[in-house]
C-alpha atoms as a PDB file:
ATOM      1  CA  MET A   1      -0.023  -0.111   0.118  1.00  0.00           C
ATOM      2  CA  ASN A   2       1.485   3.434  -0.989  1.00  0.00           C
ATOM      3  CA  SER A   3       1.142   6.590   1.007  1.00  0.00           C
ATOM      4  CA  ASP A   4      -1.777   7.883  -1.163  1.00  0.00           C
ATOM      5  CA  ASP A   5      -3.808   4.543  -0.232  1.00  0.00           C
ATOM      6  CA  GLU A   6      -2.952   5.071   3.373  1.00  0.00           C
ATOM      7  CA  ARG A   7      -4.272   8.567   3.414  1.00  0.00           C
ATOM      8  CA  LEU A   8      -7.514   7.357   1.821  1.00  0.00           C
ATOM      9  CA  LEU A   9      -8.066   4.968   4.740  1.00  0.00           C
ATOM     10  CA  ARG A  10      -7.402   7.199   7.663  1.00  0.00           C
ATOM     11  CA  GLY A  11     -10.355   8.108   9.931  1.00  0.00           C
ATOM     12  CA  ARG A  12     -12.649   5.755   7.847  1.00  0.00           C
ATOM     13  CA  GLY A  13     -14.775   3.217   9.558  1.00  0.00           C
ATOM     14  CA  TYR A  14     -13.718  -0.277   9.503  1.00  0.00           C
ATOM     15  CA  GLY A  15     -15.904  -2.193   6.869  1.00  0.00           C
ATOM     16  CA  HIS A  16     -16.789   1.000   5.031  1.00  0.00           C
ATOM     17  CA  ASP A  17     -16.071   1.187   1.217  1.00  0.00           C
ATOM     18  CA  TYR A  18     -13.093   3.476   0.629  1.00  0.00           C
ATOM     19  CA  ASP A  19     -15.424   5.507  -1.811  1.00  0.00           C
ATOM     20  CA  ALA A  20     -18.440   5.714   0.512  1.00  0.00           C
ATOM     21  CA  PRO A  21     -19.780   9.340   0.632  1.00  0.00           C
ATOM     22  CA  ASP A  22     -19.176   9.719   4.405  1.00  0.00           C
ATOM     23  CA  PRO A  23     -17.158   6.685   5.573  1.00  0.00           C
ATOM     24  CA  GLY A  24     -16.385   8.115   9.054  1.00  0.00           C
ATOM     25  CA  PRO A  25     -18.224   7.551  12.205  1.00  0.00           C
ATOM     26  CA  LEU A  26     -21.828   8.956  12.853  1.00  0.00           C
ATOM     27  CA  PRO A  27     -21.928  11.469  15.623  1.00  0.00           C
ATOM     28  CA  TRP A  28     -23.550   9.023  18.166  1.00  0.00           C
ATOM     29  CA  GLN A  29     -21.157   6.233  17.616  1.00  0.00           C
ATOM     30  CA  THR A  30     -18.293   4.917  19.870  1.00  0.00           C
ATOM     31  CA  CYS A  31     -15.339   4.034  18.154  1.00  0.00           C
ATOM     32  CA  ALA A  32     -11.766   2.473  18.879  1.00  0.00           C
ATOM     33  CA  ALA A  33      -8.870   3.755  16.757  1.00  0.00           C
ATOM     34  CA  LEU A  34      -6.971   0.982  15.202  1.00  0.00           C
ATOM     35  CA  ILE A  35      -3.185   1.435  15.437  1.00  0.00           C
ATOM     36  CA  GLY A  36      -0.476  -0.528  13.598  1.00  0.00           C
ATOM     37  CA  GLY A  37      -0.861  -3.387  11.170  1.00  0.00           C
ATOM     38  CA  PRO A  38      -2.966  -3.772   8.089  1.00  0.00           C
ATOM     39  CA  LEU A  39      -5.936  -1.762   9.577  1.00  0.00           C
ATOM     40  CA  ASP A  40      -3.935   1.222  10.855  1.00  0.00           C
ATOM     41  CA  GLY A  41      -5.809   4.385  10.814  1.00  0.00           C
ATOM     42  CA  LEU A  42      -9.270   2.978  10.571  1.00  0.00           C
ATOM     43  CA  LEU A  43     -11.893   3.286  13.277  1.00  0.00           C
ATOM     44  CA  LEU A  44     -13.871   0.479  14.720  1.00  0.00           C
ATOM     45  CA  ASP A  45     -17.362   1.064  15.695  1.00  0.00           C
ATOM     46  CA  ILE A  46     -17.736  -0.440  19.385  1.00  0.00           C
ATOM     47  CA  THR A  47     -20.965   1.275  20.134  1.00  0.00           C
ATOM     48  CA  GLY A  48     -22.774  -0.905  22.718  1.00  0.00           C
ATOM     49  CA  TRP A  49     -19.922  -3.185  23.674  1.00  0.00           C
ATOM     50  CA  ARG A  50     -19.656  -3.869  27.240  1.00  0.00           C
ATOM     51  CA  PRO A  51     -16.240  -2.914  29.185  1.00  0.00           C
ATOM     52  CA  GLU A  52     -15.263  -6.599  29.335  1.00  0.00           C
ATOM     53  CA  GLU A  53     -15.822  -6.881  25.342  1.00  0.00           C
ATOM     54  CA  VAL A  54     -13.579  -3.782  24.777  1.00  0.00           C
ATOM     55  CA  ASP A  55     -11.040  -5.462  27.253  1.00  0.00           C
ATOM     56  CA  ASP A  56     -10.964  -8.442  25.032  1.00  0.00           C
ATOM     57  CA  GLY A  57      -9.903  -6.448  21.910  1.00  0.00           C
ATOM     58  CA  ALA A  58     -10.778  -7.692  18.606  1.00  0.00           C
ATOM     59  CA  ALA A  59      -9.890 -10.008  15.538  1.00  0.00           C
ATOM     60  CA  LEU A  60     -10.986  -8.480  12.329  1.00  0.00           C
ATOM     61  CA  SER A  61     -10.739  -9.636   8.836  1.00  0.00           C
ATOM     62  CA  ALA A  62      -8.028  -8.243   6.928  1.00  0.00           C
ATOM     63  CA  GLU A  63      -6.983  -8.672   3.325  1.00  0.00           C
ATOM     64  CA  LEU A  64      -3.664  -6.991   3.646  1.00  0.00           C
ATOM     65  CA  GLY A  65      -2.174  -8.873   6.594  1.00  0.00           C
ATOM     66  CA  GLN A  66       0.384 -11.970   6.786  1.00  0.00           C
ATOM     67  CA  PHE A  67      -2.504 -14.406   5.840  1.00  0.00           C
ATOM     68  CA  PRO A  68      -4.606 -13.712   2.428  1.00  0.00           C
ATOM     69  CA  VAL A  69      -7.914 -14.376   4.148  1.00  0.00           C
ATOM     70  CA  GLY A  70      -6.815 -13.962   7.833  1.00  0.00           C
ATOM     71  CA  ARG A  71      -7.711 -11.758  10.846  1.00  0.00           C
ATOM     72  CA  ALA A  72      -5.528  -8.713  12.206  1.00  0.00           C
ATOM     73  CA  LEU A  73      -5.469  -9.324  16.114  1.00  0.00           C
ATOM     74  CA  LEU A  74      -6.036  -5.998  18.056  1.00  0.00           C
ATOM     75  CA  ASP A  75      -5.631  -5.454  21.883  1.00  0.00           C
ATOM     76  CA  PRO A  76      -6.652  -2.435  23.822  1.00  0.00           C
ATOM     77  CA  HIS A  77      -3.654   0.008  24.463  1.00  0.00           C
ATOM     78  CA  PRO A  78      -2.489  -0.858  27.951  1.00  0.00           C
ATOM     79  CA  GLY A  79      -2.969   1.402  30.733  1.00  0.00           C
ATOM     80  CA  GLU A  80      -4.843   3.990  28.617  1.00  0.00           C
ATOM     81  CA  PRO A  81      -7.948   5.609  30.100  1.00  0.00           C
ATOM     82  CA  ARG A  82     -11.256   5.544  28.131  1.00  0.00           C
ATOM     83  CA  THR A  83     -13.401   8.142  27.664  1.00  0.00           C
ATOM     84  CA  ALA A  84     -17.111   7.588  27.851  1.00  0.00           C
ATOM     85  CA  GLY A  85     -19.645   8.716  25.226  1.00  0.00           C
ATOM     86  CA  PRO A  86     -19.526   9.098  21.425  1.00  0.00           C
ATOM     87  CA  GLY A  87     -16.433   9.559  19.544  1.00  0.00           C
ATOM     88  CA  VAL A  88     -13.109   7.823  19.847  1.00  0.00           C
ATOM     89  CA  MET A  89     -12.979   6.316  23.180  1.00  0.00           C
ATOM     90  CA  CYS A  90      -9.867   4.068  23.114  1.00  0.00           C
ATOM     91  CA  ARG A  91      -7.124   2.632  20.950  1.00  0.00           C
ATOM     92  CA  PHE A  92      -6.649  -1.097  19.779  1.00  0.00           C
ATOM     93  CA  CYS A  93      -3.153  -1.939  18.981  1.00  0.00           C
ATOM     94  CA  TYR A  94      -1.965  -4.433  16.386  1.00  0.00           C
ATOM     95  CA  SER A  95      -0.485  -7.508  17.993  1.00  0.00           C
ATOM     96  CA  GLY A  96      -0.373  -9.924  14.750  1.00  0.00           C
ATOM     97  CA  ASP A  97      -2.145 -12.129  12.412  1.00  0.00           C
ATOM     98  CA  SER A  98      -4.024 -15.092  12.424  1.00  0.00           C
ATOM     99  CA  PRO A  99      -5.069 -17.460   9.443  1.00  0.00           C
END
């Protein structure tokens, strides 16, 4: 992926098409910023997730990782406080790939 591709993805919601008219989060959504790895710069909608679900992190489908149809493993940023309410409440950091 080149720098132009990376700029296109920044701030976009995970799972949204790159050419969607407004691919960012909606004002009432709560998101986790994805840091590092093939999904770096995307936002994951975690609206309605319980705190223990956020603590578990996420395994998200990623076409650009180590495995062609694998998952990117993301964990909450250690020791980071979480903000309540809409917007970006936490960061999920890339920890590896899984087939």
